[in-house]
Every structure is written in structure tokens, then in C-alpha cells.
Amino acid sequence: MEDKALVQAVAKGDDLALQTLFERHAPWIAARLRRALPRDAVEDVLQETFIGVWRNARTFKGDGEVSAWLWGIVRRQTAMWLRKHGRSEAELDVDTRGEEDLAIAVSKKVDLERALATLGTAGNEYRELVRLLWEEGYSVAEVASRLGIPEGTVKSRINRLRRRLQRALERGAEHDRPSR
């Protein structure tokens, strides 16, 4: 089910739709929040965000991206947490503030998932790498540590993934061109 349809279902009281939205969006929201807030605050803000989704789903107009709408709720909840704990909104990492940047990032994630899908089963070996680097926001060193491999191996896998994706996308572009 598309995100917009899920928000509409949440507006009608569908708990399962809220759970699906949470499962789909909580990982990237939490990753962004971890860059700006203390660890103990991330869960609080995330929980308050989805309570806000439940309460405000009827306000979603459907014109823009759900991710940008969600990020607006995240920003409000983050600002409330900061005020409650005597901190300034200026302390937030600049990277976490732009709704347009967020929509672009989410769009890139969707594009990356589609690109990995074009690799078929060959893309499976890269999924954990992609999740840790781009969804969770870990550094190359942290990914290497988590996967139990050298940093150089992580870097070479990233480069190999980029080349494979480029070839897959080029093949797709050739396929999409109208024949004469």
C-alpha cells in the first residue's frame, strides 16, 4: 500500500496502517534523529512523532510527499523535546532540518531500492551494506566493525555496487528508449 493511502487509512482509525507507516519510516527517522539528539531522546521523539501521526492524519492534504509531512511532525516533536529539556533548536544538526532535503533523501532511498531490485539476487549481498550506510547512517569504519570485515572491503563493495548499479541503470535506459 502506498504511503498516502496508509495516511488516509490512519485518519480513519486503522491501527495496522499506522504500524505499517512506523515500520516503513521509523528507521530513517531514528537515524536522522540520532545525529542530532541524545540517544535517550530519540525513542521519545520517535514515539511522540507517531502519536502525532495518529492524531493529525486527517490534516494530511495529499499534495506533497508523506515523508516531508512526517518530517514536519518530527521537527515539531523535536522542538518540543528541546524546549522541555532547556535546549535551543539551534543545537540541531543542520542536516536534520530541511524538509526538501529529506524528501530528496527518501526519494533516493526508493530509487536505490529499485536499483538493487534490478540486480536481482545479485543485489542481496549489498542490502545490509546499504542499510547500515545509508539508512542507519553508520560510517565506513562502523560498518566494517559491525560486519566483521576490513574497511577496505567495505569501500571496495561500495565501489563494486556503484559500478553494478550504473550498468543496470544503463541497461534499463537502453530498454526504455523508443525504437525507431
N, C-alpha and C. Protein backbone atom coordinates (compact mmCIF):
# COMPACT_ATOMS: atom_id res chain seq x y z
N MET A 1 0.85 -1.18 0.00
CA MET A 1 0.00 0.00 0.00
C MET A 1 0.89 1.24 0.00
N GLU A 2 0.54 2.21 -0.79
CA GLU A 2 1.30 3.47 -0.88
C GLU A 2 1.15 4.26 0.42
N ASP A 3 2.16 5.10 0.71
CA ASP A 3 2.16 5.89 1.93
C ASP A 3 0.93 6.79 2.06
N LYS A 4 0.53 7.41 0.96
CA LYS A 4 -0.63 8.32 1.03
C LYS A 4 -1.89 7.56 1.42
N ALA A 5 -2.06 6.36 0.88
CA ALA A 5 -3.21 5.54 1.24
C ALA A 5 -3.14 5.11 2.70
N LEU A 6 -1.93 4.85 3.17
CA LEU A 6 -1.76 4.48 4.58
C LEU A 6 -2.17 5.63 5.50
N VAL A 7 -1.75 6.85 5.16
CA VAL A 7 -2.12 8.01 5.99
C VAL A 7 -3.64 8.18 5.98
N GLN A 8 -4.28 7.99 4.84
CA GLN A 8 -5.74 8.08 4.77
C GLN A 8 -6.38 7.01 5.65
N ALA A 9 -5.80 5.82 5.66
CA ALA A 9 -6.33 4.75 6.50
C ALA A 9 -6.14 5.08 7.98
N VAL A 10 -5.00 5.66 8.33
CA VAL A 10 -4.75 6.07 9.71
C VAL A 10 -5.79 7.11 10.13
N ALA A 11 -6.11 8.03 9.23
CA ALA A 11 -7.11 9.06 9.52
C ALA A 11 -8.47 8.44 9.84
N LYS A 12 -8.72 7.26 9.32
CA LYS A 12 -9.99 6.55 9.59
C LYS A 12 -9.88 5.61 10.79
N GLY A 13 -8.71 5.63 11.47
CA GLY A 13 -8.55 4.84 12.68
C GLY A 13 -7.91 3.47 12.49
N ASP A 14 -7.25 3.24 11.37
CA ASP A 14 -6.65 1.94 11.08
C ASP A 14 -5.30 1.79 11.80
N ASP A 15 -5.28 0.99 12.86
CA ASP A 15 -4.06 0.75 13.64
C ASP A 15 -2.97 0.07 12.81
N LEU A 16 -3.37 -0.86 11.97
CA LEU A 16 -2.41 -1.60 11.14
C LEU A 16 -1.70 -0.68 10.15
N ALA A 17 -2.43 0.30 9.62
CA ALA A 17 -1.82 1.27 8.71
C ALA A 17 -0.77 2.10 9.45
N LEU A 18 -1.06 2.48 10.70
CA LEU A 18 -0.09 3.23 11.50
C LEU A 18 1.14 2.38 11.76
N GLN A 19 0.94 1.12 12.07
CA GLN A 19 2.06 0.21 12.31
C GLN A 19 2.91 0.07 11.04
N THR A 20 2.27 -0.02 9.89
CA THR A 20 2.99 -0.13 8.62
C THR A 20 3.80 1.13 8.35
N LEU A 21 3.20 2.30 8.58
CA LEU A 21 3.94 3.56 8.42
C LEU A 21 5.14 3.60 9.36
N PHE A 22 4.93 3.17 10.58
CA PHE A 22 6.01 3.16 11.56
C PHE A 22 7.15 2.25 11.08
N GLU A 23 6.82 1.04 10.69
CA GLU A 23 7.84 0.10 10.23
C GLU A 23 8.58 0.61 9.00
N ARG A 24 7.89 1.31 8.15
CA ARG A 24 8.47 1.83 6.92
C ARG A 24 9.34 3.06 7.16
N HIS A 25 8.94 3.92 8.07
CA HIS A 25 9.61 5.22 8.21
C HIS A 25 10.44 5.39 9.48
N ALA A 26 10.16 4.64 10.52
CA ALA A 26 10.90 4.81 11.79
C ALA A 26 12.41 4.63 11.63
N PRO A 27 12.88 3.67 10.83
CA PRO A 27 14.35 3.51 10.75
C PRO A 27 15.08 4.76 10.24
N TRP A 28 14.60 5.36 9.17
CA TRP A 28 15.31 6.54 8.65
C TRP A 28 15.10 7.75 9.54
N ILE A 29 13.92 7.86 10.17
CA ILE A 29 13.70 8.98 11.09
C ILE A 29 14.63 8.85 12.29
N ALA A 30 14.70 7.65 12.85
CA ALA A 30 15.57 7.42 14.01
C ALA A 30 17.03 7.69 13.65
N ALA A 31 17.45 7.28 12.46
CA ALA A 31 18.83 7.51 12.03
C ALA A 31 19.13 9.01 11.97
N ARG A 32 18.20 9.77 11.46
CA ARG A 32 18.40 11.23 11.38
C ARG A 32 18.37 11.85 12.78
N LEU A 33 17.48 11.37 13.63
CA LEU A 33 17.40 11.92 14.98
C LEU A 33 18.66 11.61 15.78
N ARG A 34 19.24 10.43 15.56
CA ARG A 34 20.46 10.05 16.30
C ARG A 34 21.61 11.00 16.01
N ARG A 35 21.57 11.65 14.85
CA ARG A 35 22.63 12.60 14.52
C ARG A 35 22.47 13.92 15.27
N ALA A 36 21.28 14.18 15.79
CA ALA A 36 21.00 15.50 16.37
C ALA A 36 20.64 15.48 17.85
N LEU A 37 20.19 14.35 18.35
CA LEU A 37 19.69 14.30 19.73
C LEU A 37 20.45 13.26 20.55
N PRO A 38 20.40 13.41 21.86
CA PRO A 38 20.97 12.37 22.72
C PRO A 38 20.20 11.05 22.51
N ARG A 39 20.89 9.95 22.70
CA ARG A 39 20.28 8.64 22.44
C ARG A 39 18.94 8.44 23.17
N ASP A 40 18.87 8.87 24.43
CA ASP A 40 17.65 8.66 25.19
C ASP A 40 16.48 9.47 24.62
N ALA A 41 16.76 10.52 23.90
CA ALA A 41 15.71 11.36 23.34
C ALA A 41 15.12 10.79 22.05
N VAL A 42 15.90 10.02 21.34
CA VAL A 42 15.47 9.52 20.02
C VAL A 42 14.18 8.72 20.14
N GLU A 43 14.13 7.76 21.06
CA GLU A 43 12.93 6.94 21.22
C GLU A 43 11.73 7.79 21.63
N ASP A 44 11.96 8.76 22.53
CA ASP A 44 10.87 9.63 22.97
C ASP A 44 10.29 10.42 21.80
N VAL A 45 11.17 11.04 21.04
CA VAL A 45 10.72 11.87 19.91
C VAL A 45 10.06 11.00 18.84
N LEU A 46 10.61 9.83 18.59
CA LEU A 46 10.04 8.92 17.60
C LEU A 46 8.62 8.50 18.02
N GLN A 47 8.47 8.14 19.28
CA GLN A 47 7.16 7.75 19.78
C GLN A 47 6.16 8.91 19.69
N GLU A 48 6.57 10.09 20.12
CA GLU A 48 5.69 11.25 20.05
C GLU A 48 5.34 11.60 18.59
N THR A 49 6.29 11.37 17.69
CA THR A 49 6.04 11.62 16.27
C THR A 49 4.89 10.77 15.77
N PHE A 50 4.91 9.49 16.08
CA PHE A 50 3.86 8.63 15.55
C PHE A 50 2.54 8.77 16.31
N ILE A 51 2.60 9.27 17.53
CA ILE A 51 1.35 9.67 18.21
C ILE A 51 0.79 10.87 17.45
N GLY A 52 1.68 11.79 17.05
CA GLY A 52 1.26 12.94 16.24
C GLY A 52 0.69 12.52 14.90
N VAL A 53 1.26 11.50 14.28
CA VAL A 53 0.72 10.97 13.02
C VAL A 53 -0.70 10.49 13.25
N TRP A 54 -0.90 9.74 14.32
CA TRP A 54 -2.23 9.20 14.64
C TRP A 54 -3.24 10.33 14.83
N ARG A 55 -2.83 11.35 15.57
CA ARG A 55 -3.74 12.46 15.88
C ARG A 55 -3.99 13.38 14.69
N ASN A 56 -3.00 13.52 13.81
CA ASN A 56 -3.08 14.53 12.75
C ASN A 56 -3.21 13.98 11.34
N ALA A 57 -3.44 12.72 11.20
CA ALA A 57 -3.52 12.12 9.86
C ALA A 57 -4.59 12.81 9.00
N ARG A 58 -5.65 13.28 9.63
CA ARG A 58 -6.72 13.96 8.87
C ARG A 58 -6.25 15.27 8.26
N THR A 59 -5.15 15.82 8.78
CA THR A 59 -4.66 17.10 8.25
C THR A 59 -3.80 16.94 7.00
N PHE A 60 -3.40 15.71 6.70
CA PHE A 60 -2.56 15.48 5.52
C PHE A 60 -3.41 15.70 4.27
N LYS A 61 -2.97 16.65 3.45
CA LYS A 61 -3.75 17.03 2.27
C LYS A 61 -3.49 16.11 1.07
N GLY A 62 -2.35 15.43 1.06
CA GLY A 62 -2.03 14.53 -0.04
C GLY A 62 -1.33 15.21 -1.19
N ASP A 63 -1.04 16.52 -1.07
CA ASP A 63 -0.38 17.24 -2.16
C ASP A 63 1.10 16.88 -2.26
N GLY A 64 1.76 16.79 -1.12
CA GLY A 64 3.20 16.55 -1.10
C GLY A 64 3.52 15.11 -0.74
N GLU A 65 4.80 14.91 -0.46
CA GLU A 65 5.26 13.59 -0.06
C GLU A 65 4.93 13.34 1.41
N VAL A 66 4.57 12.11 1.72
CA VAL A 66 4.30 11.73 3.10
C VAL A 66 5.56 11.94 3.95
N SER A 67 6.72 11.64 3.38
CA SER A 67 7.97 11.79 4.13
C SER A 67 8.19 13.22 4.58
N ALA A 68 7.87 14.19 3.74
CA ALA A 68 8.03 15.60 4.11
C ALA A 68 7.02 15.96 5.20
N TRP A 69 5.81 15.47 5.09
CA TRP A 69 4.78 15.71 6.11
C TRP A 69 5.23 15.10 7.44
N LEU A 70 5.74 13.87 7.39
CA LEU A 70 6.25 13.22 8.59
C LEU A 70 7.38 14.03 9.21
N TRP A 71 8.29 14.52 8.36
CA TRP A 71 9.42 15.27 8.87
C TRP A 71 8.96 16.55 9.57
N GLY A 72 7.88 17.14 9.09
CA GLY A 72 7.33 18.30 9.78
C GLY A 72 6.90 17.95 11.19
N ILE A 73 6.29 16.79 11.35
CA ILE A 73 5.88 16.33 12.68
C ILE A 73 7.11 16.05 13.53
N VAL A 74 8.12 15.41 12.93
CA VAL A 74 9.36 15.13 13.65
C VAL A 74 9.98 16.44 14.15
N ARG A 75 10.03 17.43 13.29
CA ARG A 75 10.63 18.71 13.68
C ARG A 75 9.88 19.35 14.85
N ARG A 76 8.55 19.32 14.78
CA ARG A 76 7.75 19.89 15.89
C ARG A 76 8.00 19.13 17.19
N GLN A 77 8.02 17.81 17.11
CA GLN A 77 8.24 17.00 18.31
C GLN A 77 9.64 17.20 18.86
N THR A 78 10.62 17.35 17.96
CA THR A 78 11.99 17.60 18.38
C THR A 78 12.09 18.96 19.07
N ALA A 79 11.47 19.96 18.49
CA ALA A 79 11.50 21.30 19.08
C ALA A 79 10.85 21.28 20.47
N MET A 80 9.75 20.54 20.61
CA MET A 80 9.10 20.46 21.93
C MET A 80 10.02 19.75 22.93
N TRP A 81 10.69 18.68 22.49
CA TRP A 81 11.62 17.98 23.38
C TRP A 81 12.75 18.92 23.81
N LEU A 82 13.30 19.65 22.85
CA LEU A 82 14.40 20.57 23.16
C LEU A 82 13.96 21.65 24.16
N ARG A 83 12.78 22.23 23.94
CA ARG A 83 12.28 23.25 24.87
C ARG A 83 12.07 22.66 26.26
N LYS A 84 11.48 21.48 26.30
CA LYS A 84 11.21 20.81 27.58
C LYS A 84 12.50 20.55 28.36
N HIS A 85 13.59 20.31 27.64
CA HIS A 85 14.86 19.99 28.28
C HIS A 85 15.83 21.18 28.29
N GLY A 86 15.26 22.39 28.05
CA GLY A 86 16.04 23.61 28.16
C GLY A 86 17.14 23.75 27.13
N ARG A 87 16.89 23.25 25.95
CA ARG A 87 17.89 23.34 24.89
C ARG A 87 17.31 24.13 23.72
N SER A 88 18.21 24.66 22.92
CA SER A 88 17.81 25.50 21.81
C SER A 88 17.67 24.68 20.53
N GLU A 89 16.71 25.07 19.70
CA GLU A 89 16.54 24.41 18.41
C GLU A 89 17.76 24.63 17.52
N ALA A 90 18.51 25.69 17.80
CA ALA A 90 19.73 25.96 17.03
C ALA A 90 20.77 24.87 17.23
N GLU A 91 20.62 24.06 18.28
CA GLU A 91 21.57 22.97 18.53
C GLU A 91 21.38 21.81 17.57
N LEU A 92 20.26 21.79 16.87
CA LEU A 92 20.01 20.70 15.93
C LEU A 92 21.03 20.71 14.80
N ASP A 93 21.42 19.53 14.39
CA ASP A 93 22.29 19.37 13.24
C ASP A 93 21.57 19.94 12.03
N VAL A 94 22.25 20.79 11.26
CA VAL A 94 21.64 21.43 10.09
C VAL A 94 21.06 20.39 9.14
N ASP A 95 21.73 19.24 9.03
CA ASP A 95 21.30 18.20 8.10
C ASP A 95 19.89 17.69 8.41
N THR A 96 19.43 17.85 9.64
CA THR A 96 18.14 17.29 10.01
C THR A 96 16.98 18.25 9.80
N ARG A 97 17.24 19.47 9.30
CA ARG A 97 16.18 20.47 9.27
C ARG A 97 15.44 20.60 7.96
N GLY A 98 16.05 20.34 6.83
CA GLY A 98 15.42 20.64 5.55
C GLY A 98 14.42 19.61 5.10
N GLU A 99 13.16 20.00 5.03
CA GLU A 99 12.13 19.08 4.56
C GLU A 99 12.36 18.70 3.11
N GLU A 100 12.80 19.65 2.29
CA GLU A 100 13.06 19.34 0.89
C GLU A 100 14.22 18.37 0.78
N ASP A 101 15.27 18.57 1.59
CA ASP A 101 16.40 17.65 1.59
C ASP A 101 15.94 16.26 2.00
N LEU A 102 15.04 16.20 2.97
CA LEU A 102 14.54 14.92 3.43
C LEU A 102 13.77 14.21 2.32
N ALA A 103 12.90 14.93 1.65
CA ALA A 103 12.13 14.32 0.56
C ALA A 103 13.06 13.79 -0.52
N ILE A 104 14.13 14.54 -0.80
CA ILE A 104 15.12 14.08 -1.78
C ILE A 104 15.80 12.82 -1.28
N ALA A 105 16.16 12.80 0.01
CA ALA A 105 16.83 11.64 0.57
C ALA A 105 15.94 10.40 0.51
N VAL A 106 14.67 10.58 0.83
CA VAL A 106 13.73 9.46 0.78
C VAL A 106 13.56 8.99 -0.66
N SER A 107 13.46 9.93 -1.56
CA SER A 107 13.35 9.59 -2.98
C SER A 107 14.56 8.79 -3.43
N LYS A 108 15.75 9.22 -2.99
CA LYS A 108 16.97 8.49 -3.34
C LYS A 108 16.94 7.09 -2.77
N LYS A 109 16.41 6.93 -1.55
CA LYS A 109 16.32 5.60 -0.94
C LYS A 109 15.42 4.70 -1.77
N VAL A 110 14.28 5.24 -2.19
CA VAL A 110 13.36 4.47 -3.03
C VAL A 110 14.04 4.10 -4.34
N ASP A 111 14.75 5.07 -4.92
CA ASP A 111 15.48 4.79 -6.16
C ASP A 111 16.53 3.72 -5.95
N LEU A 112 17.21 3.76 -4.81
CA LEU A 112 18.24 2.77 -4.52
C LEU A 112 17.62 1.39 -4.38
N GLU A 113 16.47 1.30 -3.70
CA GLU A 113 15.79 0.02 -3.57
C GLU A 113 15.40 -0.53 -4.94
N ARG A 114 14.89 0.34 -5.80
CA ARG A 114 14.55 -0.09 -7.16
C ARG A 114 15.79 -0.55 -7.91
N ALA A 115 16.87 0.21 -7.74
CA ALA A 115 18.12 -0.15 -8.42
C ALA A 115 18.62 -1.50 -7.93
N LEU A 116 18.59 -1.72 -6.61
CA LEU A 116 19.01 -3.02 -6.08
C LEU A 116 18.12 -4.13 -6.63
N ALA A 117 16.84 -3.84 -6.79
CA ALA A 117 15.92 -4.84 -7.34
C ALA A 117 16.30 -5.20 -8.77
N THR A 118 16.83 -4.23 -9.53
CA THR A 118 17.23 -4.53 -10.91
C THR A 118 18.40 -5.50 -10.95
N LEU A 119 19.16 -5.58 -9.85
CA LEU A 119 20.27 -6.52 -9.80
C LEU A 119 19.81 -7.93 -9.47
N GLY A 120 18.54 -8.06 -9.13
CA GLY A 120 18.00 -9.38 -8.78
C GLY A 120 18.68 -9.92 -7.54
N THR A 121 18.92 -11.22 -7.53
CA THR A 121 19.54 -11.85 -6.35
C THR A 121 20.96 -11.38 -6.14
N ALA A 122 21.61 -10.87 -7.18
CA ALA A 122 22.97 -10.33 -7.02
C ALA A 122 22.98 -9.14 -6.08
N GLY A 123 21.85 -8.44 -5.95
CA GLY A 123 21.77 -7.29 -5.07
C GLY A 123 21.66 -7.65 -3.60
N ASN A 124 21.35 -8.92 -3.30
CA ASN A 124 21.17 -9.33 -1.90
C ASN A 124 22.42 -9.11 -1.05
N GLU A 125 23.60 -9.36 -1.61
CA GLU A 125 24.82 -9.22 -0.83
C GLU A 125 25.08 -7.77 -0.43
N TYR A 126 24.44 -6.84 -1.09
CA TYR A 126 24.67 -5.43 -0.80
C TYR A 126 23.62 -4.82 0.12
N ARG A 127 22.53 -5.50 0.35
CA ARG A 127 21.42 -4.91 1.12
C ARG A 127 21.83 -4.49 2.53
N GLU A 128 22.56 -5.33 3.24
CA GLU A 128 22.97 -4.99 4.60
C GLU A 128 23.93 -3.80 4.58
N LEU A 129 24.82 -3.78 3.62
CA LEU A 129 25.74 -2.65 3.46
C LEU A 129 24.96 -1.36 3.24
N VAL A 130 23.98 -1.39 2.35
CA VAL A 130 23.14 -0.23 2.06
C VAL A 130 22.37 0.20 3.30
N ARG A 131 21.80 -0.77 4.00
CA ARG A 131 21.03 -0.45 5.20
C ARG A 131 21.90 0.25 6.24
N LEU A 132 23.07 -0.30 6.50
CA LEU A 132 23.93 0.29 7.53
C LEU A 132 24.47 1.66 7.13
N LEU A 133 24.90 1.79 5.87
CA LEU A 133 25.50 3.05 5.44
C LEU A 133 24.47 4.15 5.23
N TRP A 134 23.42 3.85 4.47
CA TRP A 134 22.53 4.92 4.03
C TRP A 134 21.24 5.02 4.84
N GLU A 135 20.76 3.93 5.39
CA GLU A 135 19.56 4.03 6.20
C GLU A 135 19.88 4.34 7.65
N GLU A 136 20.88 3.64 8.18
CA GLU A 136 21.23 3.83 9.59
C GLU A 136 22.26 4.94 9.80
N GLY A 137 22.97 5.31 8.75
CA GLY A 137 23.91 6.42 8.84
C GLY A 137 25.25 6.10 9.49
N TYR A 138 25.64 4.83 9.50
CA TYR A 138 26.93 4.46 10.07
C TYR A 138 28.07 4.85 9.13
N SER A 139 29.24 5.07 9.71
CA SER A 139 30.44 5.38 8.93
C SER A 139 30.99 4.08 8.34
N VAL A 140 31.93 4.22 7.42
CA VAL A 140 32.57 3.04 6.82
C VAL A 140 33.23 2.20 7.92
N ALA A 141 33.91 2.86 8.85
CA ALA A 141 34.58 2.14 9.95
C ALA A 141 33.57 1.37 10.81
N GLU A 142 32.43 2.01 11.10
CA GLU A 142 31.41 1.35 11.92
C GLU A 142 30.80 0.16 11.18
N VAL A 143 30.58 0.32 9.87
CA VAL A 143 30.03 -0.78 9.07
C VAL A 143 31.01 -1.94 9.06
N ALA A 144 32.28 -1.63 8.86
CA ALA A 144 33.31 -2.68 8.84
C ALA A 144 33.30 -3.44 10.17
N SER A 145 33.22 -2.72 11.27
CA SER A 145 33.21 -3.34 12.59
C SER A 145 31.97 -4.22 12.76
N ARG A 146 30.81 -3.71 12.37
CA ARG A 146 29.57 -4.47 12.52
C ARG A 146 29.54 -5.72 11.66
N LEU A 147 30.11 -5.62 10.45
CA LEU A 147 30.11 -6.77 9.54
C LEU A 147 31.32 -7.68 9.75
N GLY A 148 32.26 -7.23 10.57
CA GLY A 148 33.44 -8.04 10.83
C GLY A 148 34.37 -8.17 9.63
N ILE A 149 34.47 -7.09 8.86
CA ILE A 149 35.33 -7.09 7.67
C ILE A 149 36.19 -5.84 7.69
N PRO A 150 37.31 -5.84 6.95
CA PRO A 150 38.16 -4.64 6.90
C PRO A 150 37.46 -3.46 6.22
N GLU A 151 37.86 -2.25 6.58
CA GLU A 151 37.29 -1.04 5.97
C GLU A 151 37.50 -1.05 4.45
N GLY A 152 38.66 -1.52 4.01
CA GLY A 152 38.94 -1.58 2.58
C GLY A 152 37.93 -2.45 1.84
N THR A 153 37.47 -3.52 2.49
CA THR A 153 36.46 -4.40 1.88
C THR A 153 35.13 -3.66 1.75
N VAL A 154 34.77 -2.89 2.78
CA VAL A 154 33.54 -2.10 2.71
C VAL A 154 33.63 -1.13 1.53
N LYS A 155 34.76 -0.44 1.43
CA LYS A 155 34.94 0.54 0.34
C LYS A 155 34.90 -0.13 -1.03
N SER A 156 35.53 -1.29 -1.15
CA SER A 156 35.52 -1.97 -2.46
C SER A 156 34.12 -2.47 -2.80
N ARG A 157 33.36 -2.90 -1.79
CA ARG A 157 31.98 -3.33 -2.05
C ARG A 157 31.11 -2.14 -2.48
N ILE A 158 31.35 -0.99 -1.87
CA ILE A 158 30.61 0.22 -2.27
C ILE A 158 30.91 0.53 -3.73
N ASN A 159 32.18 0.51 -4.09
CA ASN A 159 32.56 0.79 -5.49
C ASN A 159 32.00 -0.24 -6.45
N ARG A 160 32.05 -1.51 -6.06
CA ARG A 160 31.50 -2.58 -6.91
C ARG A 160 29.99 -2.39 -7.07
N LEU A 161 29.32 -2.03 -5.98
CA LEU A 161 27.88 -1.78 -6.03
C LEU A 161 27.58 -0.63 -6.98
N ARG A 162 28.33 0.45 -6.88
CA ARG A 162 28.11 1.61 -7.76
C ARG A 162 28.26 1.21 -9.23
N ARG A 163 29.30 0.45 -9.54
CA ARG A 163 29.51 0.02 -10.93
C ARG A 163 28.37 -0.86 -11.41
N ARG A 164 27.96 -1.81 -10.58
CA ARG A 164 26.87 -2.72 -10.97
C ARG A 164 25.57 -1.96 -11.17
N LEU A 165 25.29 -1.02 -10.27
CA LEU A 165 24.08 -0.22 -10.40
C LEU A 165 24.13 0.63 -11.66
N GLN A 166 25.29 1.21 -11.94
CA GLN A 166 25.43 2.03 -13.15
C GLN A 166 25.14 1.20 -14.39
N ARG A 167 25.71 0.00 -14.45
CA ARG A 167 25.46 -0.87 -15.61
C ARG A 167 23.98 -1.25 -15.70
N ALA A 168 23.38 -1.57 -14.54
CA ALA A 168 21.97 -1.95 -14.54
C ALA A 168 21.09 -0.80 -14.99
N LEU A 169 21.42 0.41 -14.53
CA LEU A 169 20.64 1.58 -14.92
C LEU A 169 20.83 1.90 -16.40
N GLU A 170 22.05 1.72 -16.90
CA GLU A 170 22.29 1.95 -18.34
C GLU A 170 21.50 0.96 -19.18
N ARG A 171 21.49 -0.30 -18.74
CA ARG A 171 20.69 -1.32 -19.46
C ARG A 171 19.22 -0.94 -19.45
N GLY A 172 18.75 -0.45 -18.29
CA GLY A 172 17.35 -0.04 -18.20
C GLY A 172 17.04 1.14 -19.09
N ALA A 173 17.96 2.08 -19.19
CA ALA A 173 17.77 3.27 -20.04
C ALA A 173 17.72 2.85 -21.51
N GLU A 174 18.57 1.91 -21.90
CA GLU A 174 18.54 1.43 -23.28
C GLU A 174 17.22 0.74 -23.58
N HIS A 175 16.73 0.03 -22.59
CA HIS A 175 15.46 -0.70 -22.73
C HIS A 175 14.28 0.25 -22.87
N ASP A 176 14.38 1.41 -22.18
CA ASP A 176 13.28 2.38 -22.17
C ASP A 176 13.24 3.27 -23.40
N ARG A 177 14.32 3.31 -24.17
CA ARG A 177 14.35 4.19 -25.35
C ARG A 177 13.38 3.68 -26.40
N PRO A 178 12.64 4.60 -27.03
CA PRO A 178 11.72 4.17 -28.08
C PRO A 178 12.51 3.68 -29.30
N SER A 179 12.02 2.62 -29.91
CA SER A 179 12.70 2.11 -31.11
C SER A 179 12.25 2.90 -32.32
N ARG A 180 13.13 2.97 -33.30
CA ARG A 180 12.82 3.76 -34.50
C ARG A 180 12.34 2.89 -35.61
